[in-house]
PDB file of all heavy atoms in Angstrom:
ATOM      1  N   LEU A   1     159.435  10.033 135.491  1.00  0.00           N
ATOM      2  CA  LEU A   1     158.461   9.303 134.595  1.00  0.00           C
ATOM      3  C   LEU A   1     159.161   7.939 134.187  1.00  0.00           C
ATOM      4  O   LEU A   1     158.530   6.925 134.105  1.00  0.00           O
ATOM      5  CB  LEU A   1     158.018  10.147 133.548  1.00  0.00           C
ATOM      6  CG  LEU A   1     156.959   9.448 132.577  1.00  0.00           C
ATOM      7  CD1 LEU A   1     155.672   9.182 133.345  1.00  0.00           C
ATOM      8  CD2 LEU A   1     156.646  10.309 131.364  1.00  0.00           C
ATOM      9  N   LEU A   2     160.424   8.081 133.795  1.00  0.00           N
ATOM     10  CA  LEU A   2     161.078   6.925 133.312  1.00  0.00           C
ATOM     11  C   LEU A   2     161.228   5.874 134.403  1.00  0.00           C
ATOM     12  O   LEU A   2     161.026   4.615 134.104  1.00  0.00           O
ATOM     13  CB  LEU A   2     162.516   7.313 132.850  1.00  0.00           C
ATOM     14  CG  LEU A   2     163.295   6.218 132.109  1.00  0.00           C
ATOM     15  CD1 LEU A   2     162.633   5.833 130.760  1.00  0.00           C
ATOM     16  CD2 LEU A   2     164.752   6.741 131.731  1.00  0.00           C
ATOM     17  N   ALA A   3     161.492   6.339 135.614  1.00  0.00           N
ATOM     18  CA  ALA A   3     161.682   5.347 136.740  1.00  0.00           C
ATOM     19  C   ALA A   3     160.309   4.750 137.049  1.00  0.00           C
ATOM     20  O   ALA A   3     160.200   3.526 137.288  1.00  0.00           O
ATOM     21  CB  ALA A   3     162.221   6.051 137.985  1.00  0.00           C
ATOM     22  N   GLN A   4     159.257   5.587 136.897  1.00  0.00           N
ATOM     23  CA  GLN A   4     157.936   5.003 137.183  1.00  0.00           C
ATOM     24  C   GLN A   4     157.579   3.930 136.133  1.00  0.00           C
ATOM     25  O   GLN A   4     157.009   2.894 136.496  1.00  0.00           O
ATOM     26  CB  GLN A   4     156.922   6.160 137.139  1.00  0.00           C
ATOM     27  CG  GLN A   4     155.460   5.711 137.265  1.00  0.00           C
ATOM     28  CD  GLN A   4     154.520   6.791 136.581  1.00  0.00           C
ATOM     29  OE1 GLN A   4     153.574   6.446 135.814  1.00  0.00           O
ATOM     30  NE2 GLN A   4     154.717   8.057 137.010  1.00  0.00           N
ATOM     31  N   ALA A   5     157.893   4.283 134.820  1.00  0.00           N
ATOM     32  CA  ALA A   5     157.522   3.359 133.651  1.00  0.00           C
ATOM     33  C   ALA A   5     158.271   2.047 133.960  1.00  0.00           C
ATOM     34  O   ALA A   5     157.756   1.012 133.625  1.00  0.00           O
ATOM     35  CB  ALA A   5     157.905   4.035 132.436  1.00  0.00           C
ATOM     36  N   ARG A   6     159.508   2.056 134.482  1.00  0.00           N
ATOM     37  CA  ARG A   6     160.286   0.876 134.659  1.00  0.00           C
ATOM     38  C   ARG A   6     159.614  -0.049 135.731  1.00  0.00           C
ATOM     39  O   ARG A   6     159.511  -1.277 135.532  1.00  0.00           O
ATOM     40  CB  ARG A   6     161.691   1.261 135.098  1.00  0.00           C
ATOM     41  CG  ARG A   6     162.683   0.041 135.299  1.00  0.00           C
ATOM     42  CD  ARG A   6     164.008   0.447 135.658  1.00  0.00           C
ATOM     43  NE  ARG A   6     164.924  -0.669 135.732  1.00  0.00           N
ATOM     44  CZ  ARG A   6     165.121  -1.477 136.799  1.00  0.00           C
ATOM     45  NH1 ARG A   6     164.494  -1.210 137.899  1.00  0.00           N
ATOM     46  NH2 ARG A   6     166.013  -2.449 136.822  1.00  0.00           N
ATOM     47  N   GLN A   7     159.114   0.610 136.785  1.00  0.00           N
ATOM     48  CA  GLN A   7     158.579  -0.194 137.810  1.00  0.00           C
ATOM     49  C   GLN A   7     157.193  -0.785 137.313  1.00  0.00           C
ATOM     50  O   GLN A   7     156.799  -1.978 137.630  1.00  0.00           O
ATOM     51  CB  GLN A   7     158.280   0.697 139.136  1.00  0.00           C
ATOM     52  CG  GLN A   7     159.481   1.128 139.788  1.00  0.00           C
ATOM     53  CD  GLN A   7     160.347  -0.075 140.238  1.00  0.00           C
ATOM     54  OE1 GLN A   7     159.891  -1.071 140.722  1.00  0.00           O
ATOM     55  NE2 GLN A   7     161.618   0.009 139.992  1.00  0.00           N
ATOM     56  N   VAL A   8     156.428   0.032 136.552  1.00  0.00           N
ATOM     57  CA  VAL A   8     155.215  -0.452 136.029  1.00  0.00           C
ATOM     58  C   VAL A   8     155.463  -1.676 135.069  1.00  0.00           C
ATOM     59  O   VAL A   8     154.762  -2.648 135.075  1.00  0.00           O
ATOM     60  CB  VAL A   8     154.418   0.623 135.308  1.00  0.00           C
ATOM     61  CG1 VAL A   8     153.228   0.151 134.524  1.00  0.00           C
ATOM     62  CG2 VAL A   8     153.952   1.748 136.293  1.00  0.00           C
ATOM     63  N   ALA A   9     156.498  -1.516 134.181  1.00  0.00           N
ATOM     64  CA  ALA A   9     156.794  -2.589 133.317  1.00  0.00           C
ATOM     65  C   ALA A   9     157.208  -3.813 133.980  1.00  0.00           C
ATOM     66  O   ALA A   9     156.809  -4.957 133.621  1.00  0.00           O
ATOM     67  CB  ALA A   9     157.903  -2.115 132.292  1.00  0.00           C
ATOM     68  N   LEU A  10     158.062  -3.687 135.036  1.00  0.00           N
ATOM     69  CA  LEU A  10     158.546  -4.934 135.763  1.00  0.00           C
ATOM     70  C   LEU A  10     157.355  -5.616 136.449  1.00  0.00           C
ATOM     71  O   LEU A  10     157.237  -6.796 136.492  1.00  0.00           O
ATOM     72  CB  LEU A  10     159.583  -4.489 136.782  1.00  0.00           C
ATOM     73  CG  LEU A  10     160.917  -4.041 136.191  1.00  0.00           C
ATOM     74  CD1 LEU A  10     161.811  -3.594 137.318  1.00  0.00           C
ATOM     75  CD2 LEU A  10     161.575  -5.218 135.485  1.00  0.00           C
ATOM     76  N   GLY A  11     156.463  -4.768 137.098  1.00  0.00           N
ATOM     77  CA  GLY A  11     155.271  -5.338 137.624  1.00  0.00           C
ATOM     78  C   GLY A  11     154.304  -6.049 136.678  1.00  0.00           C
ATOM     79  O   GLY A  11     153.756  -7.137 136.949  1.00  0.00           O
ATOM     80  N   ALA A  12     154.302  -5.454 135.512  1.00  0.00           N
ATOM     81  CA  ALA A  12     153.396  -6.162 134.404  1.00  0.00           C
ATOM     82  C   ALA A  12     153.987  -7.484 134.001  1.00  0.00           C
ATOM     83  O   ALA A  12     153.315  -8.398 133.683  1.00  0.00           O
ATOM     84  CB  ALA A  12     153.268  -5.217 133.213  1.00  0.00           C
ATOM     85  N   ILE A  13     155.443  -7.424 133.872  1.00  0.00           N
ATOM     86  CA  ILE A  13     156.076  -8.745 133.373  1.00  0.00           C
ATOM     87  C   ILE A  13     155.816  -9.846 134.419  1.00  0.00           C
ATOM     88  O   ILE A  13     155.633 -10.977 133.949  1.00  0.00           O
ATOM     89  CB  ILE A  13     157.511  -8.440 133.243  1.00  0.00           C
ATOM     90  CG1 ILE A  13     157.850  -7.548 132.034  1.00  0.00           C
ATOM     91  CG2 ILE A  13     158.335  -9.724 133.121  1.00  0.00           C
ATOM     92  CD1 ILE A  13     159.228  -7.034 131.859  1.00  0.00           C
ATOM     93  N   GLU A  14     155.788  -9.483 135.721  1.00  0.00           N
ATOM     94  CA  GLU A  14     155.424 -10.526 136.620  1.00  0.00           C
ATOM     95  C   GLU A  14     154.076 -11.189 136.501  1.00  0.00           C
ATOM     96  O   GLU A  14     153.852 -12.287 136.945  1.00  0.00           O
ATOM     97  CB  GLU A  14     155.588  -9.940 138.126  1.00  0.00           C
ATOM     98  CG  GLU A  14     156.998  -9.560 138.491  1.00  0.00           C
ATOM     99  CD  GLU A  14     157.023  -8.947 139.839  1.00  0.00           C
ATOM    100  OE1 GLU A  14     155.891  -8.960 140.543  1.00  0.00           O
ATOM    101  OE2 GLU A  14     158.110  -8.453 140.289  1.00  0.00           O
ATOM    102  N   HIS A  15     153.156 -10.412 135.819  1.00  0.00           N
ATOM    103  CA  HIS A  15     151.781 -10.910 135.710  1.00  0.00           C
ATOM    104  C   HIS A  15     151.387 -11.018 134.208  1.00  0.00           C
ATOM    105  O   HIS A  15     150.263 -10.836 133.856  1.00  0.00           O
ATOM    106  CB  HIS A  15     150.851 -10.018 136.427  1.00  0.00           C
ATOM    107  CG  HIS A  15     151.071  -9.859 137.895  1.00  0.00           C
ATOM    108  ND1 HIS A  15     150.811 -10.785 138.835  1.00  0.00           N
ATOM    109  CD2 HIS A  15     151.715  -8.771 138.519  1.00  0.00           C
ATOM    110  CE1 HIS A  15     151.198 -10.377 140.006  1.00  0.00           C
ATOM    111  NE2 HIS A  15     151.740  -9.158 139.845  1.00  0.00           N
ATOM    112  N   GLN A  16     152.415 -11.212 133.306  1.00  0.00           N
ATOM    113  CA  GLN A  16     152.172 -11.158 131.915  1.00  0.00           C
ATOM    114  C   GLN A  16     151.265 -12.252 131.402  1.00  0.00           C
ATOM    115  O   GLN A  16     150.710 -12.206 130.279  1.00  0.00           O
ATOM    116  CB  GLN A  16     153.505 -11.119 131.117  1.00  0.00           C
ATOM    117  CG  GLN A  16     154.349 -12.413 131.371  1.00  0.00           C
ATOM    118  CD  GLN A  16     155.689 -12.240 130.606  1.00  0.00           C
ATOM    119  OE1 GLN A  16     155.695 -12.109 129.485  1.00  0.00           O
ATOM    120  NE2 GLN A  16     156.758 -12.365 131.393  1.00  0.00           N
ATOM    121  N   ASP A  17     151.095 -13.326 132.164  1.00  0.00           N
ATOM    122  CA  ASP A  17     150.271 -14.440 131.749  1.00  0.00           C
ATOM    123  C   ASP A  17     148.845 -14.286 132.128  1.00  0.00           C
ATOM    124  O   ASP A  17     147.921 -15.103 131.800  1.00  0.00           O
ATOM    125  CB  ASP A  17     150.735 -15.768 132.374  1.00  0.00           C
ATOM    126  CG  ASP A  17     152.089 -16.166 131.859  1.00  0.00           C
ATOM    127  OD1 ASP A  17     152.387 -15.764 130.712  1.00  0.00           O
ATOM    128  OD2 ASP A  17     152.923 -16.737 132.618  1.00  0.00           O
ATOM    129  N   TYR A  18     148.526 -13.122 132.794  1.00  0.00           N
ATOM    130  CA  TYR A  18     147.089 -12.842 133.162  1.00  0.00           C
ATOM    131  C   TYR A  18     146.270 -12.608 131.898  1.00  0.00           C
ATOM    132  O   TYR A  18     146.673 -11.688 131.099  1.00  0.00           O
ATOM    133  CB  TYR A  18     147.001 -11.674 134.081  1.00  0.00           C
ATOM    134  CG  TYR A  18     145.754 -11.570 134.865  1.00  0.00           C
ATOM    135  CD1 TYR A  18     145.556 -12.196 136.150  1.00  0.00           C
ATOM    136  CD2 TYR A  18     144.709 -10.848 134.367  1.00  0.00           C
ATOM    137  CE1 TYR A  18     144.406 -12.167 136.823  1.00  0.00           C
ATOM    138  CE2 TYR A  18     143.485 -10.716 135.078  1.00  0.00           C
ATOM    139  CZ  TYR A  18     143.416 -11.358 136.298  1.00  0.00           C
ATOM    140  OH  TYR A  18     142.175 -11.304 137.033  1.00  0.00           O
ATOM    141  N   PRO A  19     145.199 -13.285 131.594  1.00  0.00           N
ATOM    142  CA  PRO A  19     144.415 -13.073 130.372  1.00  0.00           C
ATOM    143  C   PRO A  19     143.880 -11.655 130.278  1.00  0.00           C
ATOM    144  O   PRO A  19     143.202 -11.182 131.186  1.00  0.00           O
ATOM    145  CB  PRO A  19     143.305 -14.108 130.483  1.00  0.00           C
ATOM    146  CG  PRO A  19     143.797 -15.087 131.505  1.00  0.00           C
ATOM    147  CD  PRO A  19     144.598 -14.343 132.493  1.00  0.00           C
ATOM    148  N   PRO A  20     144.149 -10.989 129.209  1.00  0.00           N
ATOM    149  CA  PRO A  20     143.544  -9.640 129.080  1.00  0.00           C
ATOM    150  C   PRO A  20     142.023  -9.564 129.103  1.00  0.00           C
ATOM    151  O   PRO A  20     141.481  -8.620 129.596  1.00  0.00           O
ATOM    152  CB  PRO A  20     144.018  -9.193 127.610  1.00  0.00           C
ATOM    153  CG  PRO A  20     145.264 -10.027 127.398  1.00  0.00           C
ATOM    154  CD  PRO A  20     145.008 -11.343 128.072  1.00  0.00           C
ATOM    155  N   ALA A  21     141.391 -10.597 128.520  1.00  0.00           N
ATOM    156  CA  ALA A  21     139.926 -10.614 128.658  1.00  0.00           C
ATOM    157  C   ALA A  21     139.437 -10.626 130.068  1.00  0.00           C
ATOM    158  O   ALA A  21     138.441  -9.892 130.449  1.00  0.00           O
ATOM    159  CB  ALA A  21     139.326 -11.807 127.848  1.00  0.00           C
ATOM    160  N   LEU A  22     140.064 -11.382 130.925  1.00  0.00           N
ATOM    161  CA  LEU A  22     139.727 -11.504 132.264  1.00  0.00           C
ATOM    162  C   LEU A  22     140.037 -10.210 133.090  1.00  0.00           C
ATOM    163  O   LEU A  22     139.254  -9.779 134.014  1.00  0.00           O
ATOM    164  CB  LEU A  22     140.492 -12.661 133.015  1.00  0.00           C
ATOM    165  CG  LEU A  22     140.027 -13.026 134.411  1.00  0.00           C
ATOM    166  CD1 LEU A  22     138.582 -13.369 134.508  1.00  0.00           C
ATOM    167  CD2 LEU A  22     140.916 -14.154 134.978  1.00  0.00           C
ATOM    168  N   LEU A  23     141.141  -9.535 132.672  1.00  0.00           N
ATOM    169  CA  LEU A  23     141.502  -8.269 133.233  1.00  0.00           C
ATOM    170  C   LEU A  23     140.343  -7.215 132.897  1.00  0.00           C
ATOM    171  O   LEU A  23     139.927  -6.484 133.821  1.00  0.00           O
ATOM    172  CB  LEU A  23     142.788  -7.768 132.743  1.00  0.00           C
ATOM    173  CG  LEU A  23     143.270  -6.385 133.258  1.00  0.00           C
ATOM    174  CD1 LEU A  23     143.349  -6.392 134.736  1.00  0.00           C
ATOM    175  CD2 LEU A  23     144.619  -6.064 132.595  1.00  0.00           C
ATOM    176  N   ALA A  24     139.936  -7.183 131.671  1.00  0.00           N
ATOM    177  CA  ALA A  24     138.885  -6.284 131.255  1.00  0.00           C
ATOM    178  C   ALA A  24     137.578  -6.489 131.979  1.00  0.00           C
ATOM    179  O   ALA A  24     136.915  -5.540 132.392  1.00  0.00           O
ATOM    180  CB  ALA A  24     138.647  -6.354 129.707  1.00  0.00           C
ATOM    181  N   GLU A  25     137.331  -7.834 132.302  1.00  0.00           N
ATOM    182  CA  GLU A  25     136.112  -8.181 132.997  1.00  0.00           C
ATOM    183  C   GLU A  25     136.173  -7.679 134.444  1.00  0.00           C
ATOM    184  O   GLU A  25     135.249  -7.113 135.049  1.00  0.00           O
ATOM    185  CB  GLU A  25     135.899  -9.655 132.946  1.00  0.00           C
ATOM    186  CG  GLU A  25     134.648 -10.132 133.724  1.00  0.00           C
ATOM    187  CD  GLU A  25     134.510 -11.561 133.675  1.00  0.00           C
ATOM    188  OE1 GLU A  25     134.985 -12.225 132.655  1.00  0.00           O
ATOM    189  OE2 GLU A  25     133.918 -12.212 134.552  1.00  0.00           O
ATOM    190  N   HIS A  26     137.414  -7.878 135.101  1.00  0.00           N
ATOM    191  CA  HIS A  26     137.523  -7.538 136.556  1.00  0.00           C
ATOM    192  C   HIS A  26     137.504  -5.971 136.671  1.00  0.00           C
ATOM    193  O   HIS A  26     137.159  -5.435 137.665  1.00  0.00           O
ATOM    194  CB  HIS A  26     138.838  -8.050 137.085  1.00  0.00           C
ATOM    195  CG  HIS A  26     138.716  -9.474 137.434  1.00  0.00           C
ATOM    196  ND1 HIS A  26     139.812 -10.223 137.981  1.00  0.00           N
ATOM    197  CD2 HIS A  26     137.748 -10.352 137.211  1.00  0.00           C
ATOM    198  CE1 HIS A  26     139.410 -11.500 138.151  1.00  0.00           C
ATOM    199  NE2 HIS A  26     138.143 -11.577 137.679  1.00  0.00           N
ATOM    200  N   LEU A  27     138.034  -5.211 135.628  1.00  0.00           N
ATOM    201  CA  LEU A  27     138.011  -3.772 135.698  1.00  0.00           C
ATOM    202  C   LEU A  27     136.613  -3.267 135.349  1.00  0.00           C
ATOM    203  O   LEU A  27     136.406  -1.980 135.336  1.00  0.00           O
ATOM    204  CB  LEU A  27     139.042  -3.233 134.666  1.00  0.00           C
ATOM    205  CG  LEU A  27     140.508  -3.496 135.081  1.00  0.00           C
ATOM    206  CD1 LEU A  27     141.429  -2.918 134.001  1.00  0.00           C
ATOM    207  CD2 LEU A  27     140.884  -2.825 136.367  1.00  0.00           C
ATOM    208  N   LYS A  28     135.719  -4.139 134.985  1.00  0.00           N
ATOM    209  CA  LYS A  28     134.293  -3.735 134.589  1.00  0.00           C
ATOM    210  C   LYS A  28     134.341  -2.680 133.404  1.00  0.00           C
ATOM    211  O   LYS A  28     133.570  -1.654 133.451  1.00  0.00           O
ATOM    212  CB  LYS A  28     133.606  -3.193 135.788  1.00  0.00           C
ATOM    213  CG  LYS A  28     133.301  -4.270 136.885  1.00  0.00           C
ATOM    214  CD  LYS A  28     132.589  -3.623 138.082  1.00  0.00           C
ATOM    215  CE  LYS A  28     132.192  -4.709 139.083  1.00  0.00           C
ATOM    216  NZ  LYS A  28     133.298  -5.469 139.545  1.00  0.00           N
ATOM    217  N   LEU A  29     135.094  -2.912 132.431  1.00  0.00           N
ATOM    218  CA  LEU A  29     135.272  -2.067 131.298  1.00  0.00           C
ATOM    219  C   LEU A  29     134.070  -2.294 130.358  1.00  0.00           C
ATOM    220  O   LEU A  29     133.683  -3.471 130.163  1.00  0.00           O
ATOM    221  CB  LEU A  29     136.519  -2.230 130.616  1.00  0.00           C
ATOM    222  CG  LEU A  29     137.817  -1.995 131.310  1.00  0.00           C
ATOM    223  CD1 LEU A  29     139.019  -2.279 130.442  1.00  0.00           C
ATOM    224  CD2 LEU A  29     137.876  -0.530 131.772  1.00  0.00           C
ATOM    225  N   THR A  30     133.474  -1.236 129.791  1.00  0.00           N
ATOM    226  CA  THR A  30     132.405  -1.374 128.897  1.00  0.00           C
ATOM    227  C   THR A  30     132.967  -1.936 127.528  1.00  0.00           C
ATOM    228  O   THR A  30     133.963  -1.312 126.971  1.00  0.00           O
ATOM    229  CB  THR A  30     131.723  -0.025 128.636  1.00  0.00           C
ATOM    230  OG1 THR A  30     131.233   0.471 129.806  1.00  0.00           O
ATOM    231  CG2 THR A  30     130.532  -0.172 127.674  1.00  0.00           C
ATOM    232  N   ARG A  31     132.373  -3.011 127.108  1.00  0.00           N
ATOM    233  CA  ARG A  31     132.867  -3.642 125.876  1.00  0.00           C
ATOM    234  C   ARG A  31     132.305  -2.845 124.679  1.00  0.00           C
ATOM    235  O   ARG A  31     131.188  -2.703 124.597  1.00  0.00           O
ATOM    236  CB  ARG A  31     132.520  -5.130 125.850  1.00  0.00           C
ATOM    237  CG  ARG A  31     133.172  -5.954 126.992  1.00  0.00           C
ATOM    238  CD  ARG A  31     134.663  -5.837 126.948  1.00  0.00           C
ATOM    239  NE  ARG A  31     135.280  -6.227 125.743  1.00  0.00           N
ATOM    240  CZ  ARG A  31     135.691  -7.546 125.530  1.00  0.00           C
ATOM    241  NH1 ARG A  31     135.654  -8.438 126.534  1.00  0.00           N
ATOM    242  NH2 ARG A  31     136.308  -7.776 124.459  1.00  0.00           N
ATOM    243  N   ASP A  32     133.137  -2.540 123.801  1.00  0.00           N
ATOM    244  CA  ASP A  32     132.821  -1.825 122.629  1.00  0.00           C
ATOM    245  C   ASP A  32     133.441  -2.637 121.457  1.00  0.00           C
ATOM    246  O   ASP A  32     134.726  -2.727 121.416  1.00  0.00           O
ATOM    247  CB  ASP A  32     133.336  -0.384 122.584  1.00  0.00           C
ATOM    248  CG  ASP A  32     132.879   0.381 121.297  1.00  0.00           C
ATOM    249  OD1 ASP A  32     132.514  -0.235 120.379  1.00  0.00           O
ATOM    250  OD2 ASP A  32     132.958   1.617 121.319  1.00  0.00           O
ATOM    251  N   SER A  33     132.635  -3.174 120.540  1.00  0.00           N
ATOM    252  CA  SER A  33     133.163  -4.128 119.511  1.00  0.00           C
ATOM    253  C   SER A  33     134.048  -3.347 118.532  1.00  0.00           C
ATOM    254  O   SER A  33     134.745  -3.981 117.744  1.00  0.00           O
ATOM    255  CB  SER A  33     132.042  -4.816 118.789  1.00  0.00           C
ATOM    256  OG  SER A  33     131.123  -3.864 118.231  1.00  0.00           O
ATOM    257  N   SER A  34     133.984  -1.976 118.515  1.00  0.00           N
ATOM    258  CA  SER A  34     134.667  -1.232 117.501  1.00  0.00           C
ATOM    259  C   SER A  34     136.097  -0.971 117.977  1.00  0.00           C
ATOM    260  O   SER A  34     136.934  -0.333 117.190  1.00  0.00           O
ATOM    261  CB  SER A  34     133.967   0.037 117.234  1.00  0.00           C
ATOM    262  OG  SER A  34     133.959   0.937 118.370  1.00  0.00           O
ATOM    263  N   ARG A  35     136.493  -1.297 119.215  1.00  0.00           N
ATOM    264  CA  ARG A  35     137.898  -1.010 119.687  1.00  0.00           C
ATOM    265  C   ARG A  35     138.314  -2.073 120.651  1.00  0.00           C
ATOM    266  O   ARG A  35     137.472  -2.728 121.259  1.00  0.00           O
ATOM    267  CB  ARG A  35     137.876   0.416 120.350  1.00  0.00           C
ATOM    268  CG  ARG A  35     136.995   0.509 121.595  1.00  0.00           C
ATOM    269  CD  ARG A  35     137.052   1.828 122.214  1.00  0.00           C
ATOM    270  NE  ARG A  35     136.535   2.859 121.354  1.00  0.00           N
ATOM    271  CZ  ARG A  35     136.585   4.131 121.607  1.00  0.00           C
ATOM    272  NH1 ARG A  35     137.158   4.568 122.675  1.00  0.00           N
ATOM    273  NH2 ARG A  35     136.127   4.988 120.702  1.00  0.00           N
ATOM    274  N   PRO A  36     139.644  -2.179 120.832  1.00  0.00           N
ATOM    275  CA  PRO A  36     140.138  -3.112 121.860  1.00  0.00           C
ATOM    276  C   PRO A  36     139.740  -2.749 123.215  1.00  0.00           C
ATOM    277  O   PRO A  36     139.535  -1.591 123.466  1.00  0.00           O
ATOM    278  CB  PRO A  36     141.651  -3.024 121.588  1.00  0.00           C
ATOM    279  CG  PRO A  36     141.901  -2.501 120.287  1.00  0.00           C
ATOM    280  CD  PRO A  36     140.713  -1.560 120.085  1.00  0.00           C
TER     281      PRO A  36
END
């Protein structure tokens, strides 16, 4: 799990400038004003 987390974190760092709002939109997440 630790090795998996390292790879996930490194991959996320490569794309850390991607706007979270755009990511939520592309994932088609239901927006709920009561939570992030």
